[in-house]
């Protein structure tokens, strides 16, 4: 999996983030979980790596919930053209 190389994410002071897609001139906001997953992807990580990062960073999240949330987020990223399966 690879992030679209033209898309940029800026982390805000409160742990949230903003993703800008210059190809579509669109921006989306990320919560702190989305930012954590984005960082994993940006460093070349996998879906499994993202799940482990969520479990390590957020103590109140179960493994089942982390898997579900990461899968949903990956689906949204693919739908918006921000993530490819290459």
N, C-alpha and C. Protein backbone atom coordinates (compact mmCIF):
# COMPACT_ATOMS: atom_id res chain seq x y z
N UNK A 1 0.84 -1.18 0.00
CA UNK A 1 0.00 0.00 0.00
C UNK A 1 0.88 1.24 0.00
N UNK A 2 0.43 2.23 -0.73
CA UNK A 2 1.18 3.47 -0.79
C UNK A 2 0.23 4.65 -0.74
N UNK A 3 0.63 5.67 -0.02
CA UNK A 3 -0.11 6.92 -0.03
C UNK A 3 0.16 7.65 -1.34
N UNK A 4 -0.83 8.38 -1.80
CA UNK A 4 -0.65 9.23 -2.97
C UNK A 4 0.50 10.19 -2.66
N UNK A 5 1.56 10.20 -3.47
CA UNK A 5 2.74 11.01 -3.13
C UNK A 5 2.52 12.52 -3.21
N UNK A 6 1.43 12.94 -3.82
CA UNK A 6 1.15 14.37 -3.95
C UNK A 6 0.31 14.92 -2.81
N UNK A 7 -0.20 14.04 -1.97
CA UNK A 7 -1.06 14.43 -0.86
C UNK A 7 -0.21 14.77 0.35
N UNK A 8 -0.61 15.81 1.06
CA UNK A 8 0.14 16.26 2.24
C UNK A 8 -0.75 16.21 3.48
N UNK A 9 -0.15 15.85 4.60
CA UNK A 9 -0.87 15.87 5.87
C UNK A 9 -0.13 16.80 6.82
N UNK A 10 -0.90 17.68 7.46
CA UNK A 10 -0.33 18.57 8.47
C UNK A 10 -0.99 18.24 9.80
N UNK A 11 -0.15 17.95 10.78
CA UNK A 11 -0.66 17.67 12.12
C UNK A 11 -0.86 18.98 12.86
N UNK A 12 -1.99 19.09 13.51
CA UNK A 12 -2.33 20.28 14.28
C UNK A 12 -1.85 20.14 15.72
N UNK A 13 -1.87 21.24 16.45
CA UNK A 13 -1.37 21.26 17.83
C UNK A 13 -2.15 20.33 18.76
N UNK A 14 -3.39 20.03 18.42
CA UNK A 14 -4.22 19.20 19.30
C UNK A 14 -4.19 17.71 18.93
N UNK A 15 -3.30 17.32 18.00
CA UNK A 15 -3.19 15.93 17.62
C UNK A 15 -4.05 15.53 16.43
N UNK A 16 -4.92 16.42 15.98
CA UNK A 16 -5.71 16.14 14.78
C UNK A 16 -4.86 16.52 13.56
N UNK A 17 -5.40 16.31 12.39
CA UNK A 17 -4.64 16.64 11.20
C UNK A 17 -5.53 17.05 10.05
N UNK A 18 -4.90 17.63 9.04
CA UNK A 18 -5.58 18.03 7.81
C UNK A 18 -4.80 17.43 6.65
N UNK A 19 -5.51 16.74 5.77
CA UNK A 19 -4.92 16.16 4.58
C UNK A 19 -5.39 16.97 3.39
N UNK A 20 -4.44 17.40 2.57
CA UNK A 20 -4.78 18.16 1.36
C UNK A 20 -4.39 17.37 0.12
N UNK A 21 -5.35 17.21 -0.78
CA UNK A 21 -5.15 16.52 -2.04
C UNK A 21 -5.14 17.57 -3.16
N UNK A 22 -3.96 17.95 -3.66
CA UNK A 22 -3.91 19.00 -4.68
C UNK A 22 -4.52 18.57 -6.01
N UNK A 23 -4.54 17.26 -6.30
CA UNK A 23 -5.14 16.79 -7.55
C UNK A 23 -6.63 17.09 -7.61
N UNK A 24 -7.29 17.02 -6.48
CA UNK A 24 -8.74 17.23 -6.42
C UNK A 24 -9.11 18.55 -5.75
N UNK A 25 -8.09 19.26 -5.26
CA UNK A 25 -8.29 20.52 -4.54
C UNK A 25 -9.28 20.31 -3.38
N UNK A 26 -9.04 19.25 -2.62
CA UNK A 26 -9.90 18.88 -1.49
C UNK A 26 -9.06 18.68 -0.24
N UNK A 27 -9.67 18.92 0.89
CA UNK A 27 -9.04 18.68 2.17
C UNK A 27 -9.98 17.84 3.03
N UNK A 28 -9.39 16.99 3.85
CA UNK A 28 -10.18 16.23 4.82
C UNK A 28 -9.50 16.37 6.17
N UNK A 29 -10.30 16.29 7.21
CA UNK A 29 -9.74 16.37 8.55
C UNK A 29 -9.57 14.96 9.11
N UNK A 30 -8.56 14.81 9.95
CA UNK A 30 -8.29 13.54 10.61
C UNK A 30 -8.35 13.73 12.12
N UNK A 31 -8.92 12.76 12.81
CA UNK A 31 -8.83 12.78 14.26
C UNK A 31 -7.47 12.22 14.66
N UNK A 32 -7.19 12.14 15.93
CA UNK A 32 -5.87 11.71 16.38
C UNK A 32 -5.57 10.26 15.97
N UNK A 33 -6.59 9.43 15.88
CA UNK A 33 -6.39 8.06 15.42
C UNK A 33 -5.99 8.05 13.95
N UNK A 34 -6.66 8.86 13.15
CA UNK A 34 -6.33 8.97 11.74
C UNK A 34 -4.91 9.46 11.53
N UNK A 35 -4.49 10.41 12.34
CA UNK A 35 -3.12 10.92 12.25
C UNK A 35 -2.12 9.81 12.56
N UNK A 36 -2.40 9.02 13.59
CA UNK A 36 -1.50 7.92 13.95
C UNK A 36 -1.38 6.92 12.80
N UNK A 37 -2.50 6.57 12.18
CA UNK A 37 -2.49 5.63 11.06
C UNK A 37 -1.76 6.25 9.86
N UNK A 38 -2.02 7.52 9.59
CA UNK A 38 -1.37 8.20 8.47
C UNK A 38 0.16 8.16 8.63
N UNK A 39 0.63 8.40 9.84
CA UNK A 39 2.08 8.38 10.09
C UNK A 39 2.67 7.00 9.80
N UNK A 40 1.95 5.96 10.16
CA UNK A 40 2.42 4.60 9.88
C UNK A 40 2.51 4.39 8.37
N UNK A 41 1.48 4.79 7.65
CA UNK A 41 1.48 4.64 6.20
C UNK A 41 2.58 5.47 5.55
N UNK A 42 2.77 6.67 6.04
CA UNK A 42 3.79 7.57 5.48
C UNK A 42 5.20 7.01 5.65
N UNK A 43 5.38 6.18 6.66
CA UNK A 43 6.70 5.59 6.90
C UNK A 43 6.83 4.21 6.23
N UNK A 44 5.84 3.84 5.41
CA UNK A 44 5.91 2.57 4.69
C UNK A 44 5.29 1.40 5.41
N UNK A 45 4.56 1.68 6.49
CA UNK A 45 3.94 0.61 7.27
C UNK A 45 2.74 -0.02 6.60
N UNK A 46 2.31 -1.12 7.17
CA UNK A 46 1.19 -1.90 6.65
C UNK A 46 -0.06 -1.70 7.51
N UNK A 47 -1.13 -2.34 7.09
CA UNK A 47 -2.36 -2.30 7.88
C UNK A 47 -2.12 -2.90 9.27
N UNK A 48 -1.38 -4.01 9.32
CA UNK A 48 -1.06 -4.64 10.61
C UNK A 48 -0.23 -3.69 11.48
N UNK A 49 0.71 -2.97 10.87
CA UNK A 49 1.51 -1.99 11.62
C UNK A 49 0.62 -0.89 12.19
N UNK A 50 -0.37 -0.47 11.40
CA UNK A 50 -1.28 0.59 11.86
C UNK A 50 -2.11 0.11 13.05
N UNK A 51 -2.55 -1.13 12.99
CA UNK A 51 -3.32 -1.69 14.11
C UNK A 51 -2.46 -1.72 15.37
N UNK A 52 -1.23 -2.17 15.25
CA UNK A 52 -0.32 -2.22 16.41
C UNK A 52 -0.05 -0.81 16.95
N UNK A 53 0.08 0.17 16.07
CA UNK A 53 0.32 1.55 16.51
C UNK A 53 -0.87 2.09 17.29
N UNK A 54 -2.07 1.78 16.82
CA UNK A 54 -3.28 2.23 17.52
C UNK A 54 -3.35 1.60 18.90
N UNK A 55 -3.09 0.30 18.98
CA UNK A 55 -3.13 -0.38 20.27
C UNK A 55 -2.08 0.15 21.23
N UNK A 56 -0.92 0.53 20.71
CA UNK A 56 0.15 1.06 21.56
C UNK A 56 -0.15 2.48 22.03
N UNK A 57 -0.80 3.26 21.18
CA UNK A 57 -1.01 4.67 21.50
C UNK A 57 -2.29 4.95 22.29
N UNK A 58 -3.30 4.13 22.07
CA UNK A 58 -4.61 4.36 22.70
C UNK A 58 -4.98 3.16 23.56
N UNK A 59 -4.78 3.29 24.86
CA UNK A 59 -4.95 2.16 25.79
C UNK A 59 -6.40 1.71 25.94
N UNK A 60 -7.35 2.54 25.58
CA UNK A 60 -8.76 2.19 25.76
C UNK A 60 -9.38 1.52 24.53
N UNK A 61 -8.58 1.20 23.52
CA UNK A 61 -9.07 0.59 22.28
C UNK A 61 -8.77 -0.91 22.30
N UNK A 62 -9.78 -1.70 21.99
CA UNK A 62 -9.59 -3.15 21.91
C UNK A 62 -8.99 -3.51 20.54
N UNK A 63 -8.44 -4.69 20.45
CA UNK A 63 -7.87 -5.13 19.18
C UNK A 63 -8.94 -5.22 18.10
N UNK A 64 -10.11 -5.71 18.45
CA UNK A 64 -11.21 -5.82 17.48
C UNK A 64 -11.61 -4.44 16.97
N UNK A 65 -11.70 -3.48 17.88
CA UNK A 65 -12.07 -2.12 17.47
C UNK A 65 -10.99 -1.50 16.60
N UNK A 66 -9.72 -1.72 16.95
CA UNK A 66 -8.61 -1.18 16.15
C UNK A 66 -8.64 -1.76 14.74
N UNK A 67 -8.86 -3.06 14.61
CA UNK A 67 -8.93 -3.69 13.29
C UNK A 67 -10.07 -3.11 12.47
N UNK A 68 -11.22 -2.95 13.11
CA UNK A 68 -12.39 -2.41 12.42
C UNK A 68 -12.16 -0.96 11.99
N UNK A 69 -11.63 -0.16 12.88
CA UNK A 69 -11.40 1.26 12.58
C UNK A 69 -10.35 1.45 11.49
N UNK A 70 -9.27 0.68 11.54
CA UNK A 70 -8.21 0.79 10.54
C UNK A 70 -8.74 0.35 9.18
N UNK A 71 -9.48 -0.74 9.13
CA UNK A 71 -10.04 -1.22 7.86
C UNK A 71 -10.98 -0.17 7.26
N UNK A 72 -11.80 0.43 8.10
CA UNK A 72 -12.72 1.47 7.62
C UNK A 72 -11.95 2.68 7.09
N UNK A 73 -10.93 3.10 7.82
CA UNK A 73 -10.13 4.25 7.42
C UNK A 73 -9.41 3.98 6.10
N UNK A 74 -8.84 2.78 5.95
CA UNK A 74 -8.19 2.41 4.70
C UNK A 74 -9.18 2.46 3.55
N UNK A 75 -10.41 2.01 3.79
CA UNK A 75 -11.45 2.07 2.76
C UNK A 75 -11.75 3.50 2.34
N UNK A 76 -11.83 4.39 3.30
CA UNK A 76 -12.08 5.81 2.99
C UNK A 76 -10.91 6.39 2.19
N UNK A 77 -9.69 6.07 2.60
CA UNK A 77 -8.52 6.58 1.88
C UNK A 77 -8.50 6.07 0.43
N UNK A 78 -8.85 4.81 0.24
CA UNK A 78 -8.89 4.27 -1.13
C UNK A 78 -9.98 4.95 -1.95
N UNK A 79 -11.15 5.10 -1.34
CA UNK A 79 -12.28 5.74 -2.01
C UNK A 79 -11.95 7.16 -2.48
N UNK A 80 -11.17 7.87 -1.68
CA UNK A 80 -10.82 9.24 -2.00
C UNK A 80 -9.55 9.35 -2.87
N UNK A 81 -8.99 8.20 -3.25
CA UNK A 81 -7.81 8.20 -4.10
C UNK A 81 -6.54 8.57 -3.38
N UNK A 82 -6.52 8.43 -2.06
CA UNK A 82 -5.35 8.79 -1.26
C UNK A 82 -4.44 7.62 -0.96
N UNK A 83 -4.93 6.40 -1.21
CA UNK A 83 -4.17 5.18 -0.92
C UNK A 83 -4.36 4.21 -2.07
N UNK A 84 -3.28 3.62 -2.52
CA UNK A 84 -3.35 2.61 -3.58
C UNK A 84 -2.81 1.29 -3.04
N UNK A 85 -3.15 0.21 -3.71
CA UNK A 85 -2.71 -1.11 -3.29
C UNK A 85 -1.40 -1.52 -3.94
N UNK A 86 -0.70 -0.60 -4.53
CA UNK A 86 0.60 -0.89 -5.19
C UNK A 86 1.64 -1.29 -4.19
